[in-house]
C-alpha atoms as a PDB file:
ATOM      1  CA  MET A   1     -31.885 -26.995   7.589  1.00  0.00           C
ATOM      2  CA  LYS A   2     -33.620 -26.612   4.041  1.00  0.00           C
ATOM      3  CA  ASN A   3     -33.568 -23.092   4.076  1.00  0.00           C
ATOM      4  CA  ARG A   4     -29.799 -22.944   5.562  1.00  0.00           C
ATOM      5  CA  ILE A   5     -28.878 -25.122   2.091  1.00  0.00           C
ATOM      6  CA  ALA A   6     -31.658 -22.963  -0.125  1.00  0.00           C
ATOM      7  CA  SER A   7     -29.183 -19.862   0.921  1.00  0.00           C
ATOM      8  CA  ALA A   8     -25.824 -21.223   0.353  1.00  0.00           C
ATOM      9  CA  THR A   9     -26.774 -21.880  -2.763  1.00  0.00           C
ATOM     10  CA  VAL A  10     -27.915 -18.814  -3.137  1.00  0.00           C
ATOM     11  CA  VAL A  11     -24.883 -17.155  -2.082  1.00  0.00           C
ATOM     12  CA  LEU A  12     -22.576 -19.389  -4.519  1.00  0.00           C
ATOM     13  CA  ALA A  13     -24.741 -18.800  -7.693  1.00  0.00           C
ATOM     14  CA  ILE A  14     -23.746 -15.411  -7.030  1.00  0.00           C
ATOM     15  CA  LEU A  15     -20.636 -15.595  -6.475  1.00  0.00           C
ATOM     16  CA  ALA A  16     -20.227 -17.778  -9.033  1.00  0.00           C
ATOM     17  CA  ALA A  17     -22.307 -15.412 -11.501  1.00  0.00           C
ATOM     18  CA  SER A  18     -19.517 -12.491 -10.231  1.00  0.00           C
ATOM     19  CA  ALA A  19     -16.495 -13.469 -11.153  1.00  0.00           C
ATOM     20  CA  ALA A  20     -14.462 -13.221 -13.764  1.00  0.00           C
ATOM     21  CA  PRO A  21     -11.736 -14.772 -15.079  1.00  0.00           C
ATOM     22  CA  ALA A  22      -8.394 -13.539 -13.277  1.00  0.00           C
ATOM     23  CA  ASP A  23      -6.655 -12.253 -16.622  1.00  0.00           C
ATOM     24  CA  GLN A  24     -10.005  -9.695 -17.293  1.00  0.00           C
ATOM     25  CA  ALA A  25     -11.081  -8.780 -13.593  1.00  0.00           C
ATOM     26  CA  ARG A  26      -7.701  -7.451 -12.816  1.00  0.00           C
ATOM     27  CA  THR A  27      -5.011  -4.807 -14.123  1.00  0.00           C
ATOM     28  CA  GLY A  28      -0.955  -4.432 -13.113  1.00  0.00           C
ATOM     29  CA  ILE A  29      -0.602  -0.557 -12.285  1.00  0.00           C
ATOM     30  CA  TYR A  30       3.168   0.304 -12.970  1.00  0.00           C
ATOM     31  CA  PRO A  31       4.414   3.795 -12.121  1.00  0.00           C
ATOM     32  CA  GLU A  32       6.808   5.073 -13.746  1.00  0.00           C
ATOM     33  CA  GLY A  33      10.250   4.950 -11.973  1.00  0.00           C
ATOM     34  CA  ASN A  34       8.773   2.568  -9.493  1.00  0.00           C
ATOM     35  CA  ILE A  35      11.089  -0.552  -9.922  1.00  0.00           C
ATOM     36  CA  PRO A  36      10.568  -3.282  -7.770  1.00  0.00           C
ATOM     37  CA  ILE A  37      13.438  -5.362  -5.993  1.00  0.00           C
ATOM     38  CA  ALA A  38      11.543  -8.654  -6.260  1.00  0.00           C
ATOM     39  CA  PRO A  39       8.746 -10.315  -8.378  1.00  0.00           C
ATOM     40  CA  TYR A  40       5.768  -8.305  -7.694  1.00  0.00           C
ATOM     41  CA  THR A  41       3.618  -5.913  -9.133  1.00  0.00           C
ATOM     42  CA  PRO A  42       3.367  -2.616  -7.675  1.00  0.00           C
ATOM     43  CA  GLY A  43      -0.581  -2.431  -8.031  1.00  0.00           C
ATOM     44  CA  ILE A  44      -3.444  -4.313  -9.089  1.00  0.00           C
ATOM     45  CA  LYS A  45      -6.729  -2.973  -9.926  1.00  0.00           C
ATOM     46  CA  THR A  46      -9.534  -5.169  -9.786  1.00  0.00           C
ATOM     47  CA  ASP A  47     -12.831  -5.074 -12.113  1.00  0.00           C
ATOM     48  CA  ASN A  48     -14.845  -4.196  -8.924  1.00  0.00           C
ATOM     49  CA  GLY A  49     -12.997  -1.260  -7.719  1.00  0.00           C
ATOM     50  CA  PHE A  50     -10.616  -2.360  -5.347  1.00  0.00           C
ATOM     51  CA  LEU A  51      -6.933  -1.297  -5.663  1.00  0.00           C
ATOM     52  CA  TYR A  52      -4.062  -3.376  -3.786  1.00  0.00           C
ATOM     53  CA  VAL A  53      -0.742  -1.165  -3.583  1.00  0.00           C
ATOM     54  CA  ALA A  54       1.938  -3.870  -2.601  1.00  0.00           C
ATOM     55  CA  GLY A  55       4.426  -2.578   0.327  1.00  0.00           C
ATOM     56  CA  GLN A  56       6.201   0.751  -0.987  1.00  0.00           C
ATOM     57  CA  ILE A  57       9.885   0.986   0.200  1.00  0.00           C
ATOM     58  CA  PRO A  58      11.392   4.491   0.198  1.00  0.00           C
ATOM     59  CA  TYR A  59      13.662   3.601  -2.861  1.00  0.00           C
ATOM     60  CA  VAL A  60      13.628   6.046  -5.643  1.00  0.00           C
ATOM     61  CA  LYS A  61      14.625   4.471  -9.599  1.00  0.00           C
ATOM     62  CA  GLY A  62      15.300   1.146  -7.310  1.00  0.00           C
ATOM     63  CA  ALA A  63      17.662   2.621  -4.546  1.00  0.00           C
ATOM     64  CA  LEU A  64      17.442   4.430  -1.104  1.00  0.00           C
ATOM     65  CA  PRO A  65      18.988   8.092  -1.621  1.00  0.00           C
ATOM     66  CA  ALA A  66      21.771   8.806   0.460  1.00  0.00           C
ATOM     67  CA  HIS A  67      19.340  11.775   2.219  1.00  0.00           C
ATOM     68  CA  ALA A  68      17.487   9.048   3.892  1.00  0.00           C
ATOM     69  CA  ALA A  69      19.932   7.405   5.374  1.00  0.00           C
ATOM     70  CA  ASP A  70      22.281   9.951   6.451  1.00  0.00           C
ATOM     71  CA  GLY A  71      21.126  10.147  10.215  1.00  0.00           C
ATOM     72  CA  GLU A  72      19.402  13.631  10.127  1.00  0.00           C
ATOM     73  CA  ASN A  73      15.542  13.347  10.241  1.00  0.00           C
ATOM     74  CA  ASP A  74      15.466   9.400   8.456  1.00  0.00           C
ATOM     75  CA  ILE A  75      12.334   7.995   9.172  1.00  0.00           C
ATOM     76  CA  GLN A  76      10.520  11.459   8.169  1.00  0.00           C
ATOM     77  CA  ASP A  77      12.655  11.434   5.214  1.00  0.00           C
ATOM     78  CA  GLN A  78      12.081   7.699   4.266  1.00  0.00           C
ATOM     79  CA  SER A  79       8.190   7.605   5.043  1.00  0.00           C
ATOM     80  CA  LYS A  80       8.182  11.137   2.300  1.00  0.00           C
ATOM     81  CA  ILE A  81       9.600   8.824  -0.026  1.00  0.00           C
ATOM     82  CA  VAL A  82       7.495   6.023   0.875  1.00  0.00           C
ATOM     83  CA  MET A  83       4.108   8.402   0.549  1.00  0.00           C
ATOM     84  CA  GLU A  84       5.120   9.388  -2.394  1.00  0.00           C
ATOM     85  CA  ASN A  85       6.013   5.810  -4.021  1.00  0.00           C
ATOM     86  CA  LEU A  86       2.322   5.030  -3.002  1.00  0.00           C
ATOM     87  CA  LYS A  87       1.010   8.204  -4.048  1.00  0.00           C
ATOM     88  CA  ALA A  88       2.546   7.302  -7.746  1.00  0.00           C
ATOM     89  CA  VAL A  89       0.721   4.217  -7.873  1.00  0.00           C
ATOM     90  CA  LEU A  90      -2.517   5.565  -6.731  1.00  0.00           C
ATOM     91  CA  ASP A  91      -2.331   8.460  -8.911  1.00  0.00           C
ATOM     92  CA  GLU A  92      -1.316   5.586 -12.122  1.00  0.00           C
ATOM     93  CA  ALA A  93      -5.079   3.704 -11.284  1.00  0.00           C
ATOM     94  CA  GLY A  94      -6.959   7.030 -10.998  1.00  0.00           C
ATOM     95  CA  TYR A  95      -7.073   6.992  -7.604  1.00  0.00           C
ATOM     96  CA  SER A  96      -6.443   9.541  -4.548  1.00  0.00           C
ATOM     97  CA  PHE A  97      -5.671   8.688  -0.945  1.00  0.00           C
ATOM     98  CA  ASN A  98      -9.100   9.518  -0.154  1.00  0.00           C
ATOM     99  CA  ASP A  99      -9.592   6.523  -1.562  1.00  0.00           C
ATOM    100  CA  ALA A 100      -7.702   4.113   0.866  1.00  0.00           C
ATOM    101  CA  VAL A 101      -9.822   2.203   3.209  1.00  0.00           C
ATOM    102  CA  ARG A 102      -6.170   0.151   4.667  1.00  0.00           C
ATOM    103  CA  THR A 103      -3.070   1.087   5.368  1.00  0.00           C
ATOM    104  CA  THR A 104      -0.379  -1.851   7.245  1.00  0.00           C
ATOM    105  CA  VAL A 105       2.226   0.226   8.433  1.00  0.00           C
ATOM    106  CA  TYR A 106       5.480  -1.616   8.911  1.00  0.00           C
ATOM    107  CA  LEU A 107       8.189  -0.323  11.133  1.00  0.00           C
ATOM    108  CA  SER A 108      11.769  -1.603  11.787  1.00  0.00           C
ATOM    109  CA  ASP A 109      11.411   0.128  15.387  1.00  0.00           C
ATOM    110  CA  ILE A 110       8.348   1.285  17.217  1.00  0.00           C
ATOM    111  CA  SER A 111       9.736   3.976  18.166  1.00  0.00           C
ATOM    112  CA  LEU A 112       9.319   5.071  15.041  1.00  0.00           C
ATOM    113  CA  TYR A 113       6.177   5.564  15.126  1.00  0.00           C
ATOM    114  CA  GLY A 114       5.660   9.021  15.930  1.00  0.00           C
ATOM    115  CA  GLY A 115       8.102  10.761  13.247  1.00  0.00           C
ATOM    116  CA  PHE A 116       6.478   8.409  10.587  1.00  0.00           C
ATOM    117  CA  ASN A 117       2.887   9.991  11.947  1.00  0.00           C
ATOM    118  CA  GLU A 118       4.492  13.554  11.300  1.00  0.00           C
ATOM    119  CA  VAL A 119       5.128  12.549   8.004  1.00  0.00           C
ATOM    120  CA  TYR A 120       1.309  10.049   7.143  1.00  0.00           C
ATOM    121  CA  ALA A 121      -0.997  12.832   8.223  1.00  0.00           C
ATOM    122  CA  THR A 122       0.326  15.353   6.051  1.00  0.00           C
ATOM    123  CA  TYR A 123      -1.399  13.352   2.875  1.00  0.00           C
ATOM    124  CA  TRP A 124      -5.119  13.877   4.412  1.00  0.00           C
ATOM    125  CA  ASN A 125      -6.586  17.072   4.743  1.00  0.00           C
ATOM    126  CA  GLU A 126      -8.756  18.267   7.843  1.00  0.00           C
ATOM    127  CA  GLY A 127     -12.152  16.659   7.383  1.00  0.00           C
ATOM    128  CA  ASP A 128     -10.784  13.744   5.501  1.00  0.00           C
ATOM    129  CA  MET A 129     -11.396  10.285   6.807  1.00  0.00           C
ATOM    130  CA  PRO A 130      -7.839   8.643   6.739  1.00  0.00           C
ATOM    131  CA  PRO A 131      -7.876   4.842   5.988  1.00  0.00           C
ATOM    132  CA  SER A 132      -8.109   2.617   8.766  1.00  0.00           C
ATOM    133  CA  ARG A 133      -4.481   1.162   9.575  1.00  0.00           C
ATOM    134  CA  ALA A 134      -2.776  -1.389  11.490  1.00  0.00           C
ATOM    135  CA  ALA A 135       1.406  -0.428  12.658  1.00  0.00           C
ATOM    136  CA  ILE A 136       3.964  -3.134  12.964  1.00  0.00           C
ATOM    137  CA  ALA A 137       7.052  -3.320  14.038  1.00  0.00           C
ATOM    138  CA  VAL A 138       9.606  -5.965  12.252  1.00  0.00           C
ATOM    139  CA  ASN A 139      13.160  -7.480  12.882  1.00  0.00           C
ATOM    140  CA  ALA A 140      14.069  -5.931   8.751  1.00  0.00           C
ATOM    141  CA  LEU A 141      12.644  -5.116   5.676  1.00  0.00           C
ATOM    142  CA  PRO A 142      13.988  -5.471   2.529  1.00  0.00           C
ATOM    143  CA  GLY A 143      16.293  -3.746   0.962  1.00  0.00           C
ATOM    144  CA  GLY A 144      18.556  -2.500   3.313  1.00  0.00           C
ATOM    145  CA  LYS A 145      21.773  -2.551   3.402  1.00  0.00           C
ATOM    146  CA  PRO A 146      24.741  -2.219   6.741  1.00  0.00           C
ATOM    147  CA  GLY A 147      24.878   1.406   7.446  1.00  0.00           C
ATOM    148  CA  ALA A 148      21.430   2.679   5.234  1.00  0.00           C
ATOM    149  CA  PRO A 149      18.481  -0.088   6.751  1.00  0.00           C
ATOM    150  CA  ILE A 150      15.074   0.603   5.547  1.00  0.00           C
ATOM    151  CA  LEU A 151      12.723   1.927   8.457  1.00  0.00           C
ATOM    152  CA  VAL A 152       9.710   1.569   7.038  1.00  0.00           C
ATOM    153  CA  GLU A 153       7.630   0.313   4.303  1.00  0.00           C
ATOM    154  CA  VAL A 154       3.592   1.111   4.129  1.00  0.00           C
ATOM    155  CA  SER A 155       0.917  -1.609   2.256  1.00  0.00           C
ATOM    156  CA  MET A 156      -2.312  -0.346   0.920  1.00  0.00           C
ATOM    157  CA  VAL A 157      -5.992  -1.100  -0.278  1.00  0.00           C
ATOM    158  CA  ALA A 158      -7.611   1.664  -1.904  1.00  0.00           C
ATOM    159  CA  TYR A 159     -12.006   1.424  -3.406  1.00  0.00           C
ATOM    160  CA  LYS A 160     -13.317   3.747  -5.656  1.00  0.00           C
ATOM    161  CA  SER A 161     -16.922   2.851  -6.926  1.00  0.00           C
ATOM    162  CA  ASN A 162     -16.862   2.257 -10.526  1.00  0.00           C
END
């Protein structure tokens, strides 16, 4: 029992010593042209090397482009915009897709999974290690309008040692 208490005390001491005030431990990342539609930060970079990228939807300068909701290849068009939005946050923070360790993909219909993957796969070269990933079908995504639904949103966590 004494060993467990001593171990827990050491762990707590290490965590307390490594913690930094929130205002010093993270930096907001705001790529040019990335206009949030709600109160959030596109990316948050922490002093310990992590980058948390908010869910990106297929908006360009605050709106869904007409070509991404014209009924022709919409999932591929929207996926390309989402991936480029992610890339803009990564670039602004000094990271790349190869630094990504986790993504979460939200699709308005799981039948869009294949079309999304066609685009997603092009962001890693052969031999690269794509991040771990979850894909989830949801009822609706933010930013959609009648006749112009948002089909995909992707969030990401990246890591780069300091």
